[in-house]
Amino acid sequence: MQTTLSIKVGARFAKEFETFCEAHGLQVGRFTEKALREIMEDYHLGQKAQAILSRSEGKTISHGAFLRR
């Protein structure tokens, strides 16, 4: 089952996105869904990493602060 997801973006971005998809032979809907899914997975992974770092450090610590050590 499919549904429509509507978001507002700037006119310039919309044109750039459309041009990018056309230039690379990408279907706009499929490409958008895949890109958004990857972003959601990266966010989820980041949240898990943050929880693991916080447990190992005994306090909340950012990824950047941990990696700068």
C-alpha atoms as a PDB file:
ATOM      1  CA  MET A   1       0.000   0.000   0.000  1.00  0.00           C
ATOM      2  CA  GLN A   2       1.292   3.434  -0.852  1.00  0.00           C
ATOM      3  CA  THR A   3       0.331   6.850   0.397  1.00  0.00           C
ATOM      4  CA  THR A   4       1.367  10.398  -0.374  1.00  0.00           C
ATOM      5  CA  LEU A   5       3.779  12.320   1.828  1.00  0.00           C
ATOM      6  CA  SER A   6       3.714  16.036   1.223  1.00  0.00           C
ATOM      7  CA  ILE A   7       6.470  18.355   2.443  1.00  0.00           C
ATOM      8  CA  LYS A   8       7.233  21.991   1.766  1.00  0.00           C
ATOM      9  CA  VAL A   9      10.649  22.860   0.377  1.00  0.00           C
ATOM     10  CA  GLY A  10      12.043  25.919  -1.285  1.00  0.00           C
ATOM     11  CA  ALA A  11      11.362  26.328  -4.996  1.00  0.00           C
ATOM     12  CA  ARG A  12      15.088  26.355  -5.765  1.00  0.00           C
ATOM     13  CA  PHE A  13      15.674  23.084  -3.901  1.00  0.00           C
ATOM     14  CA  ALA A  14      12.683  21.450  -5.595  1.00  0.00           C
ATOM     15  CA  LYS A  15      14.067  22.329  -9.031  1.00  0.00           C
ATOM     16  CA  GLU A  16      17.592  21.162  -8.107  1.00  0.00           C
ATOM     17  CA  PHE A  17      16.182  17.896  -6.758  1.00  0.00           C
ATOM     18  CA  GLU A  18      14.107  17.294  -9.874  1.00  0.00           C
ATOM     19  CA  THR A  19      17.095  18.087 -12.112  1.00  0.00           C
ATOM     20  CA  PHE A  20      19.355  15.782 -10.073  1.00  0.00           C
ATOM     21  CA  CYS A  21      16.906  12.880 -10.305  1.00  0.00           C
ATOM     22  CA  GLU A  22      16.423  13.376 -14.033  1.00  0.00           C
ATOM     23  CA  ALA A  23      20.172  13.612 -14.672  1.00  0.00           C
ATOM     24  CA  HIS A  24      20.815  10.365 -12.801  1.00  0.00           C
ATOM     25  CA  GLY A  25      17.791   8.450 -14.066  1.00  0.00           C
ATOM     26  CA  LEU A  26      16.226   8.240 -10.604  1.00  0.00           C
ATOM     27  CA  GLN A  27      12.537   7.966  -9.856  1.00  0.00           C
ATOM     28  CA  VAL A  28      11.821  10.881  -7.539  1.00  0.00           C
ATOM     29  CA  GLY A  29       9.521   8.949  -5.179  1.00  0.00           C
ATOM     30  CA  ARG A  30      11.763   5.900  -4.800  1.00  0.00           C
ATOM     31  CA  PHE A  31      14.905   7.985  -4.413  1.00  0.00           C
ATOM     32  CA  THR A  32      13.241  10.200  -1.806  1.00  0.00           C
ATOM     33  CA  GLU A  33      11.957   7.210   0.167  1.00  0.00           C
ATOM     34  CA  LYS A  34      15.379   5.527   0.148  1.00  0.00           C
ATOM     35  CA  ALA A  35      17.169   8.742   1.165  1.00  0.00           C
ATOM     36  CA  LEU A  36      14.741   9.458   4.006  1.00  0.00           C
ATOM     37  CA  ARG A  37      14.929   5.853   5.222  1.00  0.00           C
ATOM     38  CA  GLU A  38      18.742   6.037   5.325  1.00  0.00           C
ATOM     39  CA  ILE A  39      18.594   9.294   7.281  1.00  0.00           C
ATOM     40  CA  MET A  40      16.181   7.723   9.781  1.00  0.00           C
ATOM     41  CA  GLU A  41      18.456   4.678  10.162  1.00  0.00           C
ATOM     42  CA  ASP A  42      21.515   6.909  10.662  1.00  0.00           C
ATOM     43  CA  TYR A  43      19.617   8.877  13.303  1.00  0.00           C
ATOM     44  CA  HIS A  44      18.589   5.674  15.067  1.00  0.00           C
ATOM     45  CA  LEU A  45      22.184   4.403  14.962  1.00  0.00           C
ATOM     46  CA  GLY A  46      23.374   7.737  16.374  1.00  0.00           C
ATOM     47  CA  GLN A  47      20.873   7.500  19.222  1.00  0.00           C
ATOM     48  CA  LYS A  48      22.060   3.970  20.040  1.00  0.00           C
ATOM     49  CA  ALA A  49      25.699   5.072  19.942  1.00  0.00           C
ATOM     50  CA  GLN A  50      24.885   8.005  22.234  1.00  0.00           C
ATOM     51  CA  ALA A  51      23.251   5.655  24.740  1.00  0.00           C
ATOM     52  CA  ILE A  52      26.248   3.303  24.678  1.00  0.00           C
ATOM     53  CA  LEU A  53      28.713   6.185  25.133  1.00  0.00           C
ATOM     54  CA  SER A  54      26.671   7.588  28.004  1.00  0.00           C
ATOM     55  CA  ARG A  55      26.598   4.212  29.765  1.00  0.00           C
ATOM     56  CA  SER A  56      30.321   3.615  29.301  1.00  0.00           C
ATOM     57  CA  GLU A  57      31.238   7.136  30.458  1.00  0.00           C
ATOM     58  CA  GLY A  58      28.719   7.255  33.292  1.00  0.00           C
ATOM     59  CA  LYS A  59      27.464  10.610  32.006  1.00  0.00           C
ATOM     60  CA  THR A  60      26.057  12.102  28.835  1.00  0.00           C
ATOM     61  CA  ILE A  61      28.796  12.768  26.295  1.00  0.00           C
ATOM     62  CA  SER A  62      28.517  13.893  22.677  1.00  0.00           C
ATOM     63  CA  HIS A  63      29.940  11.851  19.818  1.00  0.00           C
ATOM     64  CA  GLY A  64      32.217  14.744  18.896  1.00  0.00           C
ATOM     65  CA  ALA A  65      33.620  15.096  22.405  1.00  0.00           C
ATOM     66  CA  PHE A  66      34.252  11.358  22.610  1.00  0.00           C
ATOM     67  CA  LEU A  67      35.992  11.231  19.242  1.00  0.00           C
ATOM     68  CA  ARG A  68      38.159  14.283  20.001  1.00  0.00           C
ATOM     69  CA  ARG A  69      39.840  12.416  22.830  1.00  0.00           C
END
